[in-house]
């Protein structure tokens, strides 16, 4: 509690300077999905990610568990749903394709002292012209908002669902488009390190996928040839080559400039996190530092995906009033070296699996009637809608 109070004092007295775009030193970054749509936003994908039925949305079709706080959004970005709050007000949801949404999120990042957003770009999805246009629109909006609010951004490819043999050619084609046509690396707010543009490839080396170490090395070498600082998002047990990790991959992952092991679902409580952290993360960092590589541990506030996976348990990884997030932050602050290390928070706006740290419903009254949705006070401690933005900003100030 004393540490948290100190954090809040640090944040309250902060002056909002532009984030240093030239180094990953001292950075705390957030993953940014930007994948929500409604049926009148012009992208032709309906209620994508909000609803399991893209043609309609109601309490019976919800695809997400954590209800967002929409009170600050531009009405032009919003669309009525069939749901209502207890006071009779119509519940509305936003489209990520509207520039005001990304801008509001970057305004929050500035106000709460967050450094950078890694924009998820789904390599398989952008092969569809509709999603190609949507993702490019969100990217352009992010470029503008990062400049407006003095934050930084980078591209983080999610390669889930792509045939392993197609990975390299599709990455080459898309990165060429992003740099030559969209001009992402010409943005003065694109994050760099050692005068190279930061790029993350998420999804290699997992035990349930078919990519090979040689394919991973080819991907690393390609992005290095493009003057990129290339980070791989891989399995939590990559070093010990067990459970979620494919064996024989350690050398290939060390071919990248940095490694970010995916921790979501690998522990689901403070005790299970503390039981694995020293054995996994501390030893991971010891290995990466010995090879002069970077390390990027992932922390998250909690999770739940009952509405999209009905067989699952709601609130399967409880936030416990922020205790779960604070436990991860405290251990990273006390146990990890700062050298060649940045922290990655999953995620900024991911309400599908309830890992979002942005402003969310504070109490049950802030969720529509008849919905099976979480709010930030679900675990019994009443919290304001911006509570996790404050925690993330505090972590940034201390890191």
Protein backbone atom coordinates (compact mmCIF):
# COMPACT_ATOMS: atom_id res chain seq x y z
CA UNK A 1 0.00 0.00 0.00
CA UNK A 2 2.87 2.40 0.80
CA UNK A 3 4.43 1.68 -2.59
CA UNK A 4 1.10 2.30 -4.34
CA UNK A 5 0.66 5.65 -2.59
CA UNK A 6 4.17 6.66 -3.65
CA UNK A 7 3.27 5.62 -7.22
CA UNK A 8 0.17 7.83 -7.17
CA UNK A 9 2.14 10.81 -5.87
CA UNK A 10 4.71 10.35 -8.62
CA UNK A 11 1.99 10.24 -11.26
CA UNK A 12 0.05 13.17 -9.87
CA UNK A 13 3.14 15.40 -10.04
CA UNK A 14 4.30 14.21 -13.47
CA UNK A 15 4.86 16.62 -16.33
CA UNK A 16 3.85 15.25 -19.69
CA UNK A 17 6.94 15.28 -21.88
CA UNK A 18 7.17 13.57 -25.25
CA UNK A 19 8.37 9.99 -24.91
CA UNK A 20 11.90 9.32 -26.21
CA UNK A 21 11.39 7.67 -29.59
CA UNK A 22 15.02 6.57 -29.99
CA UNK A 23 15.44 3.93 -27.29
CA UNK A 24 13.63 1.04 -25.61
CA UNK A 25 15.53 1.72 -22.39
CA UNK A 26 13.09 2.20 -19.52
CA UNK A 27 10.02 1.56 -21.64
CA UNK A 28 6.70 0.09 -20.53
CA UNK A 29 4.55 -0.61 -23.57
CA UNK A 30 0.96 -1.73 -24.04
CA UNK A 31 -0.48 -4.04 -26.65
CA UNK A 32 -3.21 -2.35 -28.69
CA UNK A 33 -5.86 -4.34 -30.57
CA UNK A 34 -7.95 -1.64 -32.26
CA UNK A 35 -10.24 -4.33 -33.67
CA UNK A 36 -13.78 -3.33 -32.66
CA UNK A 37 -16.44 -2.41 -35.21
CA UNK A 38 -20.13 -1.64 -35.43
CA UNK A 39 -22.56 -2.08 -38.28
CA UNK A 40 -22.60 1.52 -39.50
CA UNK A 41 -18.90 2.41 -39.48
CA UNK A 42 -18.40 1.82 -43.21
CA UNK A 43 -16.02 -1.13 -43.00
CA UNK A 44 -18.61 -3.78 -43.80
CA UNK A 45 -17.69 -6.22 -41.04
CA UNK A 46 -20.66 -5.61 -38.73
CA UNK A 47 -20.23 -5.86 -34.97
CA UNK A 48 -16.83 -7.50 -35.29
CA UNK A 49 -15.35 -8.50 -31.90
CA UNK A 50 -18.24 -6.97 -29.95
CA UNK A 51 -20.66 -9.71 -30.97
CA UNK A 52 -20.55 -13.37 -31.97
CA UNK A 53 -23.18 -12.45 -34.59
CA UNK A 54 -21.73 -9.71 -36.78
CA UNK A 55 -25.23 -8.74 -37.97
CA UNK A 56 -26.70 -7.91 -34.56
CA UNK A 57 -25.70 -7.33 -30.96
CA UNK A 58 -27.55 -8.08 -27.75
CA UNK A 59 -26.98 -9.56 -24.32
CA UNK A 60 -27.24 -13.02 -25.91
CA UNK A 61 -24.56 -12.41 -28.58
CA UNK A 62 -21.77 -10.66 -26.67
CA UNK A 63 -18.25 -11.75 -27.58
CA UNK A 64 -16.51 -9.93 -24.72
CA UNK A 65 -16.59 -10.05 -20.92
CA UNK A 66 -15.32 -6.67 -19.68
CA UNK A 67 -17.70 -3.78 -20.35
CA UNK A 68 -15.89 -0.56 -21.38
CA UNK A 69 -16.48 2.87 -19.93
CA UNK A 70 -17.69 4.76 -23.02
CA UNK A 71 -18.57 8.05 -21.34
CA UNK A 72 -15.72 10.05 -22.89
CA UNK A 73 -16.01 8.87 -26.49
CA UNK A 74 -17.13 11.01 -29.42
CA UNK A 75 -20.83 10.27 -30.12
CA UNK A 76 -19.98 10.13 -33.84
CA UNK A 77 -17.89 7.02 -33.18
CA UNK A 78 -20.67 5.26 -31.29
CA UNK A 79 -23.64 3.09 -32.24
CA UNK A 80 -26.76 2.19 -30.25
CA UNK A 81 -27.20 -1.42 -29.16
CA UNK A 82 -30.41 -3.16 -28.10
CA UNK A 83 -29.23 -3.12 -24.47
CA UNK A 84 -29.98 -0.59 -21.75
CA UNK A 85 -28.46 0.37 -18.42
CA UNK A 86 -30.47 0.22 -15.20
CA UNK A 87 -31.33 3.91 -15.55
CA UNK A 88 -32.93 3.26 -18.94
CA UNK A 89 -30.12 4.79 -20.99
CA UNK A 90 -29.29 2.98 -24.24
CA UNK A 91 -25.93 1.20 -24.17
CA UNK A 92 -23.64 2.27 -27.01
CA UNK A 93 -20.37 0.84 -28.33
CA UNK A 94 -17.62 2.30 -30.51
CA UNK A 95 -15.79 1.55 -33.74
CA UNK A 96 -12.00 1.41 -33.57
CA UNK A 97 -11.95 2.72 -37.13
CA UNK A 98 -13.06 6.18 -36.04
CA UNK A 99 -10.05 8.50 -35.54
CA UNK A 100 -11.45 9.93 -32.30
CA UNK A 101 -11.27 6.52 -30.60
CA UNK A 102 -7.55 6.00 -31.13
CA UNK A 103 -7.00 9.65 -30.26
CA UNK A 104 -8.89 9.36 -26.98
CA UNK A 105 -6.86 6.26 -26.10
CA UNK A 106 -3.58 8.05 -26.80
CA UNK A 107 -4.79 11.01 -24.77
CA UNK A 108 -5.27 8.60 -21.87
CA UNK A 109 -1.81 7.15 -22.47
CA UNK A 110 -0.34 10.62 -22.16
CA UNK A 111 -2.44 11.58 -19.13
CA UNK A 112 -1.54 8.39 -17.28
CA UNK A 113 2.15 8.33 -18.21
CA UNK A 114 2.18 5.36 -20.61
CA UNK A 115 5.03 5.26 -23.11
CA UNK A 116 4.10 3.35 -26.21
CA UNK A 117 1.55 1.14 -27.95
CA UNK A 118 2.41 -1.90 -30.03
CA UNK A 119 -0.33 -2.13 -32.64
CA UNK A 120 -1.42 -5.69 -33.36
CA UNK A 121 -1.43 -6.48 -37.07
CA UNK A 122 -2.97 -9.85 -37.85
CA UNK A 123 -1.08 -11.24 -40.80
CA UNK A 124 -3.81 -13.66 -41.83
CA UNK A 125 -6.62 -11.16 -41.41
CA UNK A 126 -5.07 -8.46 -43.60
CA UNK A 127 -5.19 -10.80 -46.59
CA UNK A 128 -8.93 -9.96 -46.64
CA UNK A 129 -9.44 -6.56 -48.38
CA UNK A 130 -12.01 -5.46 -45.78
CA UNK A 131 -9.65 -6.00 -42.86
CA UNK A 132 -6.68 -4.71 -44.82
CA UNK A 133 -8.51 -1.38 -45.14
CA UNK A 134 -9.60 -1.42 -41.51
CA UNK A 135 -6.14 -2.21 -40.12
CA UNK A 136 -4.54 0.43 -42.34
CA UNK A 137 -7.07 3.01 -41.16
CA UNK A 138 -6.34 2.23 -37.51
CA UNK A 139 -2.61 2.40 -38.25
CA UNK A 140 -2.90 5.83 -39.86
CA UNK A 141 -5.01 7.05 -36.95
CA UNK A 142 -2.39 5.76 -34.53
CA UNK A 143 0.38 7.58 -36.41
CA UNK A 144 -1.55 10.83 -36.07
CA UNK A 145 -2.50 10.35 -32.42
CA UNK A 146 0.99 9.30 -31.34
CA UNK A 147 2.27 12.56 -32.83
CA UNK A 148 -0.48 14.62 -31.21
CA UNK A 149 0.11 13.22 -27.75
CA UNK A 150 3.86 12.63 -27.79
CA UNK A 151 3.67 8.85 -27.44
CA UNK A 152 5.36 6.23 -29.61
CA UNK A 153 4.08 3.19 -31.49
CA UNK A 154 5.38 0.12 -33.30
CA UNK A 155 3.98 -2.73 -35.38
CA UNK A 156 3.44 -6.08 -33.70
CA UNK A 157 2.55 -8.87 -36.13
CA UNK A 158 0.32 -11.68 -34.88
CA UNK A 159 0.94 -14.64 -37.20
CA UNK A 160 -1.74 -16.92 -35.74
CA UNK A 161 -3.47 -19.09 -38.32
CA UNK A 162 -1.02 -18.44 -41.17
CA UNK A 163 0.54 -21.42 -42.94
CA UNK A 164 4.16 -21.66 -41.84
CA UNK A 165 5.43 -21.76 -45.44
CA UNK A 166 3.62 -18.49 -46.18
CA UNK A 167 4.94 -16.55 -43.21
CA UNK A 168 8.05 -15.00 -44.70
CA UNK A 169 6.61 -13.97 -48.10
CA UNK A 170 3.49 -12.49 -46.48
CA UNK A 171 5.55 -10.61 -43.90
CA UNK A 172 7.84 -9.27 -46.62
CA UNK A 173 4.90 -8.12 -48.73
CA UNK A 174 3.07 -6.48 -45.86
CA UNK A 175 6.10 -4.79 -44.32
CA UNK A 176 6.98 -3.40 -47.73
CA UNK A 177 3.47 -1.97 -47.99
CA UNK A 178 3.57 -0.47 -44.50
CA UNK A 179 6.93 1.20 -45.06
CA UNK A 180 6.69 2.22 -48.71
CA UNK A 181 2.98 2.97 -49.12
CA UNK A 182 1.65 3.76 -45.65
CA UNK A 183 4.92 5.29 -44.48
CA UNK A 184 4.88 4.00 -40.92
CA UNK A 185 8.63 4.23 -40.47
CA UNK A 186 8.62 7.79 -41.79
CA UNK A 187 6.51 8.77 -38.80
CA UNK A 188 8.59 10.75 -36.29
CA UNK A 189 6.82 8.79 -33.52
CA UNK A 190 7.65 5.27 -34.70
CA UNK A 191 9.62 3.63 -31.89
CA UNK A 192 13.30 2.93 -32.56
CA UNK A 193 16.21 1.36 -30.76
CA UNK A 194 19.86 1.66 -31.80
CA UNK A 195 18.60 3.68 -34.77
CA UNK A 196 16.49 0.71 -35.93
CA UNK A 197 12.70 0.46 -36.16
CA UNK A 198 11.15 -1.83 -33.55
CA UNK A 199 9.03 -4.69 -34.93
CA UNK A 200 7.56 -7.63 -33.00
CA UNK A 201 6.59 -11.01 -34.46
CA UNK A 202 4.17 -12.77 -32.12
CA UNK A 203 3.36 -16.47 -32.39
CA UNK A 204 6.52 -18.44 -33.19
CA UNK A 205 7.72 -21.62 -31.43
CA UNK A 206 4.46 -22.61 -29.75
CA UNK A 207 3.93 -26.34 -29.37
CA UNK A 208 0.62 -26.34 -31.26
CA UNK A 209 2.02 -24.60 -34.38
CA UNK A 210 3.95 -25.81 -37.41
CA UNK A 211 6.69 -23.22 -37.93
CA UNK A 212 10.29 -24.41 -37.75
CA UNK A 213 13.46 -22.94 -36.22
CA UNK A 214 14.91 -22.34 -39.69
CA UNK A 215 11.81 -20.38 -40.72
CA UNK A 216 12.08 -18.29 -37.56
CA UNK A 217 15.72 -17.48 -38.30
CA UNK A 218 14.80 -16.47 -41.87
CA UNK A 219 12.17 -14.07 -40.48
CA UNK A 220 14.66 -12.58 -38.01
CA UNK A 221 17.27 -12.14 -40.73
CA UNK A 222 14.81 -10.49 -43.11
CA UNK A 223 13.78 -7.82 -40.62
CA UNK A 224 17.37 -7.23 -39.60
CA UNK A 225 18.13 -6.62 -43.29
CA UNK A 226 15.40 -3.96 -43.22
CA UNK A 227 17.15 -2.10 -40.38
CA UNK A 228 14.69 -3.34 -37.76
CA UNK A 229 15.14 -4.14 -34.09
CA UNK A 230 13.21 -7.40 -34.19
CA UNK A 231 11.56 -8.94 -31.11
CA UNK A 232 9.82 -12.32 -31.01
CA UNK A 233 6.74 -13.06 -28.93
CA UNK A 234 6.94 -16.72 -28.02
CA UNK A 235 5.96 -19.34 -25.46
CA UNK A 236 6.36 -18.79 -21.74
CA UNK A 237 8.46 -21.94 -21.34
CA UNK A 238 10.67 -21.28 -24.39
CA UNK A 239 13.95 -21.68 -22.50
CA UNK A 240 13.04 -24.91 -20.69
CA UNK A 241 11.35 -26.25 -23.85
CA UNK A 242 8.28 -27.70 -22.15
CA UNK A 243 4.50 -27.28 -21.93
CA UNK A 244 3.58 -24.48 -24.39
CA UNK A 245 6.99 -24.49 -26.11
CA UNK A 246 8.22 -26.45 -29.09
CA UNK A 247 11.59 -28.13 -28.38
CA UNK A 248 14.74 -27.27 -30.31
CA UNK A 249 13.89 -23.59 -30.66
CA UNK A 250 16.14 -21.81 -28.17
CA UNK A 251 18.92 -20.97 -30.64
CA UNK A 252 16.41 -19.75 -33.22
CA UNK A 253 14.70 -17.42 -30.74
CA UNK A 254 18.06 -16.03 -29.68
CA UNK A 255 18.57 -15.03 -33.33
CA UNK A 256 16.10 -12.21 -32.66
CA UNK A 257 17.12 -9.00 -30.91
CA UNK A 258 14.70 -9.66 -28.07
CA UNK A 259 12.34 -12.28 -26.64
CA UNK A 260 8.94 -11.68 -25.04
CA UNK A 261 7.46 -14.84 -23.47
CA UNK A 262 3.64 -14.93 -23.45
CA UNK A 263 2.43 -15.30 -19.87
CA UNK A 264 -1.35 -15.02 -20.22
CA UNK A 265 -2.93 -18.22 -18.95
CA UNK A 266 0.39 -19.59 -17.68
CA UNK A 267 -0.51 -18.49 -14.16
CA UNK A 268 -3.89 -17.34 -12.90
CA UNK A 269 -3.33 -16.14 -9.35
CA UNK A 270 -0.76 -14.36 -7.24
CA UNK A 271 0.54 -17.64 -5.71
CA UNK A 272 0.88 -19.37 -9.09
CA UNK A 273 2.66 -16.32 -10.52
CA UNK A 274 5.07 -16.11 -7.60
CA UNK A 275 5.73 -19.84 -7.80
CA UNK A 276 6.96 -19.57 -11.40
CA UNK A 277 8.45 -16.10 -11.78
CA UNK A 278 11.94 -16.62 -10.37
CA UNK A 279 12.30 -19.98 -12.06
CA UNK A 280 11.12 -18.67 -15.43
CA UNK A 281 11.52 -14.92 -15.84
CA UNK A 282 14.64 -14.35 -13.77
CA UNK A 283 16.42 -17.24 -15.46
CA UNK A 284 15.12 -16.14 -18.88
CA UNK A 285 16.65 -12.73 -18.36
CA UNK A 286 19.91 -14.25 -17.19
CA UNK A 287 20.14 -16.17 -20.47
CA UNK A 288 19.15 -13.26 -22.73
CA UNK A 289 21.62 -10.92 -21.04
CA UNK A 290 24.40 -13.48 -21.45
CA UNK A 291 23.74 -13.35 -25.22
CA UNK A 292 23.40 -9.54 -25.24
CA UNK A 293 19.73 -9.86 -26.18
CA UNK A 294 16.69 -8.02 -24.86
CA UNK A 295 14.00 -9.43 -22.61
CA UNK A 296 10.36 -8.28 -22.45
CA UNK A 297 8.26 -9.98 -19.77
CA UNK A 298 4.48 -9.74 -20.10
CA UNK A 299 2.11 -8.79 -17.30
CA UNK A 300 -1.66 -8.59 -17.35
CA UNK A 301 -4.45 -7.49 -14.98
CA UNK A 302 -6.59 -10.65 -15.08
CA UNK A 303 -8.73 -12.44 -17.65
CA UNK A 304 -12.16 -13.82 -18.50
CA UNK A 305 -13.70 -14.96 -21.80
CA UNK A 306 -16.96 -16.61 -20.77
CA UNK A 307 -19.09 -14.92 -23.44
CA UNK A 308 -16.86 -16.04 -26.31
CA UNK A 309 -16.13 -19.45 -24.74
CA UNK A 310 -19.33 -20.53 -22.92
CA UNK A 311 -17.69 -23.66 -21.54
CA UNK A 312 -15.20 -21.57 -19.56
CA UNK A 313 -15.55 -20.07 -16.10
CA UNK A 314 -16.27 -16.36 -15.84
CA UNK A 315 -13.49 -14.36 -14.19
CA UNK A 316 -11.11 -17.30 -14.56
CA UNK A 317 -8.14 -15.14 -13.58
CA UNK A 318 -9.53 -12.69 -11.01
CA UNK A 319 -8.06 -9.20 -10.79
CA UNK A 320 -8.65 -9.19 -7.03
CA UNK A 321 -8.94 -5.44 -6.83
CA UNK A 322 -5.63 -4.89 -8.59
CA UNK A 323 -3.64 -7.25 -6.38
CA UNK A 324 -2.88 -9.62 -9.26
CA UNK A 325 -1.40 -6.84 -11.42
CA UNK A 326 0.48 -5.26 -8.52
CA UNK A 327 2.02 -8.62 -7.59
CA UNK A 328 3.47 -8.97 -11.09
CA UNK A 329 4.64 -5.36 -11.19
CA UNK A 330 6.27 -5.55 -7.76
CA UNK A 331 8.14 -8.75 -8.58
CA UNK A 332 9.39 -7.36 -11.91
CA UNK A 333 10.52 -4.14 -10.24
CA UNK A 334 12.37 -5.98 -7.49
CA UNK A 335 13.79 -9.01 -9.30
CA UNK A 336 14.63 -7.97 -12.86
CA UNK A 337 17.59 -5.96 -14.06
CA UNK A 338 16.77 -2.86 -16.09
CA UNK A 339 19.50 -3.55 -18.65
CA UNK A 340 18.19 -4.70 -22.05
CA UNK A 341 14.67 -5.08 -20.70
CA UNK A 342 11.32 -3.47 -21.37
CA UNK A 343 7.92 -4.43 -19.94
CA UNK A 344 4.89 -5.36 -22.03
CA UNK A 345 1.35 -4.98 -20.66
CA UNK A 346 -1.29 -7.15 -22.30
CA UNK A 347 -3.45 -5.34 -23.25
CA UNK A 348 -4.71 -1.76 -23.51
CA UNK A 349 -8.14 -2.39 -25.05
CA UNK A 350 -8.64 -6.18 -25.03
CA UNK A 351 -12.11 -6.61 -23.54
CA UNK A 352 -12.77 -9.90 -25.37
CA UNK A 353 -10.59 -11.74 -22.85
CA UNK A 354 -10.91 -9.01 -20.21
CA UNK A 355 -7.23 -8.12 -20.10
CA UNK A 356 -7.83 -4.43 -20.88
CA UNK A 357 -6.31 -1.71 -18.71
CA UNK A 358 -8.22 1.18 -20.30
CA UNK A 359 -11.27 2.79 -18.69
CA UNK A 360 -13.87 0.12 -17.98
CA UNK A 361 -17.17 -0.13 -16.13
CA UNK A 362 -16.65 0.63 -12.46
CA UNK A 363 -19.68 -1.16 -10.97
CA UNK A 364 -22.50 -3.48 -12.01
CA UNK A 365 -24.73 -0.44 -12.56
CA UNK A 366 -22.32 0.61 -15.32
CA UNK A 367 -23.02 -2.59 -17.29
CA UNK A 368 -26.25 -3.14 -19.26
CA UNK A 369 -29.13 -5.07 -17.75
CA UNK A 370 -29.10 -8.78 -18.56
CA UNK A 371 -25.46 -8.99 -19.61
CA UNK A 372 -22.95 -11.38 -18.16
CA UNK A 373 -20.15 -8.81 -18.04
CA UNK A 374 -17.39 -7.98 -15.62
CA UNK A 375 -16.75 -4.58 -14.08
CA UNK A 376 -13.73 -3.39 -12.13
CA UNK A 377 -15.45 -3.84 -8.75
CA UNK A 378 -16.47 -7.43 -9.53
CA UNK A 379 -14.11 -8.90 -6.93
CA UNK A 380 -15.62 -6.89 -4.08
CA UNK A 381 -13.42 -3.78 -3.92
CA UNK A 382 -15.02 -0.73 -5.52
CA UNK A 383 -12.63 0.79 -8.05
CA UNK A 384 -12.86 3.76 -10.43
CA UNK A 385 -12.92 3.18 -14.18
CA UNK A 386 -9.34 4.43 -14.61
CA UNK A 387 -7.80 2.32 -11.85
CA UNK A 388 -5.63 0.14 -14.11
CA UNK A 389 -4.43 3.11 -16.13
CA UNK A 390 -3.17 4.51 -12.84
CA UNK A 391 -1.45 1.24 -11.94
CA UNK A 392 0.18 1.05 -15.37
CA UNK A 393 1.32 4.66 -15.14
CA UNK A 394 2.76 4.01 -11.70
CA UNK A 395 4.71 1.06 -13.03
CA UNK A 396 6.07 3.19 -15.87
CA UNK A 397 7.19 5.86 -13.41
CA UNK A 398 9.04 3.27 -11.31
CA UNK A 399 10.58 1.29 -14.19
